[in-house]
PDB file of N, CA and C in Angstrom:
ATOM      1  N   MET A   1      42.882  75.518  76.026  1.00  0.00           N
ATOM      2  CA  MET A   1      42.481  75.242  77.394  1.00  0.00           C
ATOM      3  C   MET A   1      43.478  75.837  78.379  1.00  0.00           C
ATOM      4  N   LEU A   2      44.770  75.646  78.093  1.00  0.00           N
ATOM      5  CA  LEU A   2      45.792  76.178  78.986  1.00  0.00           C
ATOM      6  C   LEU A   2      45.777  77.705  78.990  1.00  0.00           C
ATOM      7  N   ARG A   3      45.510  78.300  77.837  1.00  0.00           N
ATOM      8  CA  ARG A   3      45.442  79.769  77.771  1.00  0.00           C
ATOM      9  C   ARG A   3      44.300  80.297  78.628  1.00  0.00           C
ATOM     10  N   PHE A   4      43.189  79.581  78.621  1.00  0.00           N
ATOM     11  CA  PHE A   4      42.039  79.990  79.432  1.00  0.00           C
ATOM     12  C   PHE A   4      42.398  79.971  80.913  1.00  0.00           C
ATOM     13  N   ILE A   5      43.058  78.898  81.347  1.00  0.00           N
ATOM     14  CA  ILE A   5      43.446  78.782  82.757  1.00  0.00           C
ATOM     15  C   ILE A   5      44.453  79.869  83.121  1.00  0.00           C
ATOM     16  N   THR A   6      45.397  80.133  82.230  1.00  0.00           N
ATOM     17  CA  THR A   6      46.400  81.170  82.502  1.00  0.00           C
ATOM     18  C   THR A   6      45.760  82.543  82.617  1.00  0.00           C
ATOM     19  N   GLN A   7      44.797  82.829  81.769  1.00  0.00           N
ATOM     20  CA  GLN A   7      44.123  84.123  81.830  1.00  0.00           C
ATOM     21  C   GLN A   7      43.307  84.257  83.110  1.00  0.00           C
ATOM     22  N   VAL A   8      42.698  83.185  83.553  1.00  0.00           N
ATOM     23  CA  VAL A   8      41.936  83.237  84.804  1.00  0.00           C
ATOM     24  C   VAL A   8      42.870  83.529  85.962  1.00  0.00           C
ATOM     25  N   PHE A   9      44.024  82.862  85.981  1.00  0.00           N
ATOM     26  CA  PHE A   9      44.972  83.091  87.073  1.00  0.00           C
ATOM     27  C   PHE A   9      45.589  84.480  87.025  1.00  0.00           C
ATOM     28  N   LYS A  10      45.764  85.030  85.839  1.00  0.00           N
ATOM     29  CA  LYS A  10      46.319  86.385  85.740  1.00  0.00           C
ATOM     30  C   LYS A  10      45.360  87.415  86.327  1.00  0.00           C
ATOM     31  N   GLY A  11      44.084  87.127  86.262  1.00  0.00           N
ATOM     32  CA  GLY A  11      43.098  88.060  86.796  1.00  0.00           C
ATOM     33  C   GLY A  11      42.959  88.002  88.307  1.00  0.00           C
ATOM     34  N   MET A  12      43.532  86.994  88.928  1.00  0.00           N
ATOM     35  CA  MET A  12      43.424  86.846  90.384  1.00  0.00           C
ATOM     36  C   MET A  12      44.588  87.548  91.072  1.00  0.00           C
ATOM     37  N   ASP A  13      44.286  88.255  92.129  1.00  0.00           N
ATOM     38  CA  ASP A  13      45.337  88.922  92.898  1.00  0.00           C
ATOM     39  C   ASP A  13      45.983  87.939  93.864  1.00  0.00           C
ATOM     40  N   GLY A  14      47.290  87.979  93.963  1.00  0.00           N
ATOM     41  CA  GLY A  14      48.021  87.151  94.908  1.00  0.00           C
ATOM     42  C   GLY A  14      48.170  85.705  94.509  1.00  0.00           C
ATOM     43  N   VAL A  15      47.863  85.367  93.266  1.00  0.00           N
ATOM     44  CA  VAL A  15      47.967  83.968  92.847  1.00  0.00           C
ATOM     45  C   VAL A  15      49.415  83.536  92.664  1.00  0.00           C
ATOM     46  N   SER A  16      50.329  84.457  92.545  1.00  0.00           N
ATOM     47  CA  SER A  16      51.734  84.098  92.332  1.00  0.00           C
ATOM     48  C   SER A  16      52.370  83.500  93.588  1.00  0.00           C
ATOM     49  N   ILE A  17      51.707  83.591  94.719  1.00  0.00           N
ATOM     50  CA  ILE A  17      52.256  83.049  95.962  1.00  0.00           C
ATOM     51  C   ILE A  17      52.107  81.526  96.016  1.00  0.00           C
ATOM     52  N   TYR A  18      51.134  80.951  95.304  1.00  0.00           N
ATOM     53  CA  TYR A  18      50.864  79.517  95.374  1.00  0.00           C
ATOM     54  C   TYR A  18      52.021  78.649  94.866  1.00  0.00           C
ATOM     55  N   PRO A  19      52.658  78.990  93.763  1.00  0.00           N
ATOM     56  CA  PRO A  19      53.811  78.160  93.365  1.00  0.00           C
ATOM     57  C   PRO A  19      54.950  78.203  94.385  1.00  0.00           C
ATOM     58  N   ILE A  20      55.133  79.330  95.019  1.00  0.00           N
ATOM     59  CA  ILE A  20      56.182  79.457  96.028  1.00  0.00           C
ATOM     60  C   ILE A  20      55.856  78.596  97.241  1.00  0.00           C
ATOM     61  N   ILE A  21      54.594  78.639  97.669  1.00  0.00           N
ATOM     62  CA  ILE A  21      54.162  77.822  98.806  1.00  0.00           C
ATOM     63  C   ILE A  21      54.309  76.343  98.472  1.00  0.00           C
ATOM     64  N   SER A  22      53.913  75.951  97.268  1.00  0.00           N
ATOM     65  CA  SER A  22      54.026  74.549  96.858  1.00  0.00           C
ATOM     66  C   SER A  22      55.484  74.095  96.849  1.00  0.00           C
ATOM     67  N   LEU A  23      56.358  74.919  96.350  1.00  0.00           N
ATOM     68  CA  LEU A  23      57.776  74.585  96.327  1.00  0.00           C
ATOM     69  C   LEU A  23      58.331  74.454  97.742  1.00  0.00           C
ATOM     70  N   LEU A  24      57.951  75.360  98.620  1.00  0.00           N
ATOM     71  CA  LEU A  24      58.415  75.287 100.007  1.00  0.00           C
ATOM     72  C   LEU A  24      57.918  74.017 100.693  1.00  0.00           C
ATOM     73  N   ILE A  25      56.667  73.657 100.483  1.00  0.00           N
ATOM     74  CA  ILE A  25      56.134  72.427 101.077  1.00  0.00           C
ATOM     75  C   ILE A  25      56.914  71.223 100.566  1.00  0.00           C
ATOM     76  N   PHE A  26      57.167  71.169  99.261  1.00  0.00           N
ATOM     77  CA  PHE A  26      57.920  70.053  98.693  1.00  0.00           C
ATOM     78  C   PHE A  26      59.322  69.983  99.277  1.00  0.00           C
ATOM     79  N   VAL A  27      60.025  71.103  99.328  1.00  0.00           N
ATOM     80  CA  VAL A  27      61.403  71.124  99.816  1.00  0.00           C
ATOM     81  C   VAL A  27      61.455  70.721 101.290  1.00  0.00           C
ATOM     82  N   ILE A  28      60.533  71.235 102.092  1.00  0.00           N
ATOM     83  CA  ILE A  28      60.506  70.885 103.515  1.00  0.00           C
ATOM     84  C   ILE A  28      60.232  69.393 103.691  1.00  0.00           C
ATOM     85  N   PHE A  29      59.283  68.848 102.936  1.00  0.00           N
ATOM     86  CA  PHE A  29      58.969  67.429 103.017  1.00  0.00           C
ATOM     87  C   PHE A  29      60.179  66.592 102.593  1.00  0.00           C
ATOM     88  N   PHE A  30      60.809  66.960 101.482  1.00  0.00           N
ATOM     89  CA  PHE A  30      61.961  66.215 100.972  1.00  0.00           C
ATOM     90  C   PHE A  30      63.103  66.224 101.977  1.00  0.00           C
ATOM     91  N   ILE A  31      63.404  67.371 102.551  1.00  0.00           N
ATOM     92  CA  ILE A  31      64.491  67.473 103.526  1.00  0.00           C
ATOM     93  C   ILE A  31      64.166  66.660 104.780  1.00  0.00           C
ATOM     94  N   THR A  32      62.896  66.696 105.215  1.00  0.00           N
ATOM     95  CA  THR A  32      62.486  65.933 106.391  1.00  0.00           C
ATOM     96  C   THR A  32      62.669  64.435 106.165  1.00  0.00           C
ATOM     97  N   VAL A  33      62.229  63.948 105.017  1.00  0.00           N
ATOM     98  CA  VAL A  33      62.380  62.520 104.706  1.00  0.00           C
ATOM     99  C   VAL A  33      63.854  62.160 104.580  1.00  0.00           C
ATOM    100  N   LEU A  34      64.625  63.007 103.957  1.00  0.00           N
ATOM    101  CA  LEU A  34      66.055  62.762 103.810  1.00  0.00           C
ATOM    102  C   LEU A  34      66.741  62.667 105.172  1.00  0.00           C
ATOM    103  N   LEU A  35      66.439  63.591 106.073  1.00  0.00           N
ATOM    104  CA  LEU A  35      67.030  63.552 107.411  1.00  0.00           C
ATOM    105  C   LEU A  35      66.592  62.313 108.178  1.00  0.00           C
ATOM    106  N   TYR A  36      65.329  61.928 108.026  1.00  0.00           N
ATOM    107  CA  TYR A  36      64.828  60.729 108.698  1.00  0.00           C
ATOM    108  C   TYR A  36      65.578  59.490 108.224  1.00  0.00           C
ATOM    109  N   VAL A  37      65.773  59.380 106.933  1.00  0.00           N
ATOM    110  CA  VAL A  37      66.466  58.218 106.375  1.00  0.00           C
ATOM    111  C   VAL A  37      67.940  58.218 106.790  1.00  0.00           C
ATOM    112  N   LEU A  38      68.563  59.369 106.794  1.00  0.00           N
ATOM    113  CA  LEU A  38      69.976  59.431 107.170  1.00  0.00           C
ATOM    114  C   LEU A  38      70.194  59.094 108.644  1.00  0.00           C
ATOM    115  N   LYS A  39      69.202  59.366 109.499  1.00  0.00           N
ATOM    116  CA  LYS A  39      69.346  59.104 110.928  1.00  0.00           C
ATOM    117  C   LYS A  39      68.896  57.698 111.320  1.00  0.00           C
ATOM    118  N   MET A  40      68.378  56.931 110.359  1.00  0.00           N
ATOM    119  CA  MET A  40      67.955  55.566 110.671  1.00  0.00           C
ATOM    120  C   MET A  40      69.162  54.720 111.035  1.00  0.00           C
ATOM    121  N   LYS A  41      68.940  53.804 111.965  1.00  0.00           N
ATOM    122  CA  LYS A  41      70.008  52.900 112.374  1.00  0.00           C
ATOM    123  C   LYS A  41      70.114  51.751 111.382  1.00  0.00           C
ATOM    124  N   LYS A  42      71.289  51.210 111.284  1.00  0.00           N
ATOM    125  CA  LYS A  42      71.563  50.117 110.345  1.00  0.00           C
ATOM    126  C   LYS A  42      70.662  48.915 110.623  1.00  0.00           C
ATOM    127  N   ARG A  43      70.439  48.608 111.877  1.00  0.00           N
ATOM    128  CA  ARG A  43      69.595  47.470 112.252  1.00  0.00           C
ATOM    129  C   ARG A  43      68.162  47.651 111.752  1.00  0.00           C
ATOM    130  N   GLU A  44      67.649  48.859 111.886  1.00  0.00           N
ATOM    131  CA  GLU A  44      66.293  49.153 111.432  1.00  0.00           C
ATOM    132  C   GLU A  44      66.185  49.034 109.905  1.00  0.00           C
ATOM    133  N   ILE A  45      67.196  49.487 109.208  1.00  0.00           N
ATOM    134  CA  ILE A  45      67.206  49.384 107.742  1.00  0.00           C
ATOM    135  C   ILE A  45      67.242  47.917 107.324  1.00  0.00           C
ATOM    136  N   ASP A  46      68.051  47.110 108.025  1.00  0.00           N
ATOM    137  CA  ASP A  46      68.120  45.682 107.713  1.00  0.00           C
ATOM    138  C   ASP A  46      66.779  44.998 107.967  1.00  0.00           C
ATOM    139  N   GLU A  47      66.106  45.355 109.056  1.00  0.00           N
ATOM    140  CA  GLU A  47      64.796  44.768 109.345  1.00  0.00           C
ATOM    141  C   GLU A  47      63.789  45.123 108.252  1.00  0.00           C
ATOM    142  N   LEU A  48      63.790  46.364 107.846  1.00  0.00           N
ATOM    143  CA  LEU A  48      62.854  46.791 106.809  1.00  0.00           C
ATOM    144  C   LEU A  48      63.166  46.144 105.467  1.00  0.00           C
ATOM    145  N   SER A  49      64.430  45.922 105.203  1.00  0.00           N
ATOM    146  CA  SER A  49      64.798  45.319 103.927  1.00  0.00           C
ATOM    147  C   SER A  49      64.413  43.844 103.860  1.00  0.00           C
ATOM    148  N   GLN A  50      64.218  43.205 104.996  1.00  0.00           N
ATOM    149  CA  GLN A  50      63.855  41.781 105.028  1.00  0.00           C
ATOM    150  C   GLN A  50      62.353  41.545 104.956  1.00  0.00           C
ATOM    151  N   ILE A  51      61.548  42.564 105.041  1.00  0.00           N
ATOM    152  CA  ILE A  51      60.084  42.406 105.038  1.00  0.00           C
ATOM    153  C   ILE A  51      59.576  41.669 103.800  1.00  0.00           C
ATOM    154  N   PRO A  52      59.989  42.014 102.602  1.00  0.00           N
ATOM    155  CA  PRO A  52      59.465  41.276 101.439  1.00  0.00           C
ATOM    156  C   PRO A  52      59.793  39.782 101.486  1.00  0.00           C
ATOM    157  N   PHE A  53      60.965  39.429 101.975  1.00  0.00           N
ATOM    158  CA  PHE A  53      61.349  38.026 102.043  1.00  0.00           C
ATOM    159  C   PHE A  53      60.544  37.285 103.102  1.00  0.00           C
ATOM    160  N   GLU A  54      60.287  37.959 104.227  1.00  0.00           N
ATOM    161  CA  GLU A  54      59.490  37.343 105.280  1.00  0.00           C
ATOM    162  C   GLU A  54      58.066  37.095 104.793  1.00  0.00           C
ATOM    163  N   LEU A  55      57.514  38.045 104.070  1.00  0.00           N
ATOM    164  CA  LEU A  55      56.159  37.881 103.555  1.00  0.00           C
ATOM    165  C   LEU A  55      56.094  36.732 102.555  1.00  0.00           C
ATOM    166  N   ASP A  56      57.109  36.595 101.714  1.00  0.00           N
ATOM    167  CA  ASP A  56      57.145  35.493 100.758  1.00  0.00           C
ATOM    168  C   ASP A  56      57.200  34.148 101.473  1.00  0.00           C
ATOM    169  N   GLU A  57      57.996  34.054 102.542  1.00  0.00           N
ATOM    170  CA  GLU A  57      58.104  32.818 103.302  1.00  0.00           C
ATOM    171  C   GLU A  57      56.774  32.477 103.971  1.00  0.00           C
ATOM    172  N   GLN A  58      56.086  33.492 104.500  1.00  0.00           N
ATOM    173  CA  GLN A  58      54.789  33.261 105.138  1.00  0.00           C
ATOM    174  C   GLN A  58      53.763  32.792 104.116  1.00  0.00           C
ATOM    175  N   GLU A  59      53.743  33.373 102.951  1.00  0.00           N
ATOM    176  CA  GLU A  59      52.809  32.953 101.913  1.00  0.00           C
ATOM    177  C   GLU A  59      53.105  31.521 101.476  1.00  0.00           C
ATOM    178  N   LEU A  60      54.376  31.197 101.360  1.00  0.00           N
ATOM    179  CA  LEU A  60      54.762  29.847 100.970  1.00  0.00           C
ATOM    180  C   LEU A  60      54.329  28.841 102.026  1.00  0.00           C
ATOM    181  N   GLN A  61      54.508  29.172 103.289  1.00  0.00           N
ATOM    182  CA  GLN A  61      54.084  28.282 104.369  1.00  0.00           C
ATOM    183  C   GLN A  61      52.567  28.113 104.368  1.00  0.00           C
ATOM    184  N   ASN A  62      51.835  29.186 104.119  1.00  0.00           N
ATOM    185  CA  ASN A  62      50.382  29.105 104.068  1.00  0.00           C
ATOM    186  C   ASN A  62      49.924  28.207 102.923  1.00  0.00           C
ATOM    187  N   LYS A  63      50.573  28.272 101.793  1.00  0.00           N
ATOM    188  CA  LYS A  63      50.219  27.434 100.658  1.00  0.00           C
ATOM    189  C   LYS A  63      50.503  25.956 100.942  1.00  0.00           C
ATOM    190  N   VAL A  64      51.623  25.706 101.618  1.00  0.00           N
ATOM    191  CA  VAL A  64      51.986  24.332 101.936  1.00  0.00           C
ATOM    192  C   VAL A  64      50.986  23.751 102.939  1.00  0.00           C
ATOM    193  N   THR A  65      50.617  24.523 103.955  1.00  0.00           N
ATOM    194  CA  THR A  65      49.688  24.009 104.972  1.00  0.00           C
ATOM    195  C   THR A  65      48.282  23.817 104.397  1.00  0.00           C
ATOM    196  N   THR A  66      47.858  24.691 103.502  1.00  0.00           N
ATOM    197  CA  THR A  66      46.524  24.520 102.917  1.00  0.00           C
ATOM    198  C   THR A  66      46.487  23.380 101.916  1.00  0.00           C
ATOM    199  N   SER A  67      47.600  23.122 101.249  1.00  0.00           N
ATOM    200  CA  SER A  67      47.619  22.018 100.278  1.00  0.00           C
ATOM    201  C   SER A  67      47.688  20.675 100.984  1.00  0.00           C
ATOM    202  N   ASN A  68      48.241  20.637 102.211  1.00  0.00           N
ATOM    203  CA  ASN A  68      48.299  19.386 102.965  1.00  0.00           C
ATOM    204  C   ASN A  68      46.953  19.027 103.568  1.00  0.00           C
ATOM    205  N   ASN A  69      46.097  19.980 103.753  1.00  0.00           N
ATOM    206  CA  ASN A  69      44.772  19.715 104.349  1.00  0.00           C
ATOM    207  C   ASN A  69      43.867  19.224 103.323  1.00  0.00           C
TER     208      ASN A  69
END
């Protein structure tokens, strides 16, 4: 199966550009995310890190209020 796909791609002109484009898109995306994370403020990181705990507390409160009714 892989040989069939490779032979099809060998017959196409300009197909060698696609891996290069894919790599460039990945590298640009990775660098963008890395820069975004590095420029985040400490306060924002702390707020985001507390989200799972806040959601757990809200679910616990909802369970307590529904069980009391």
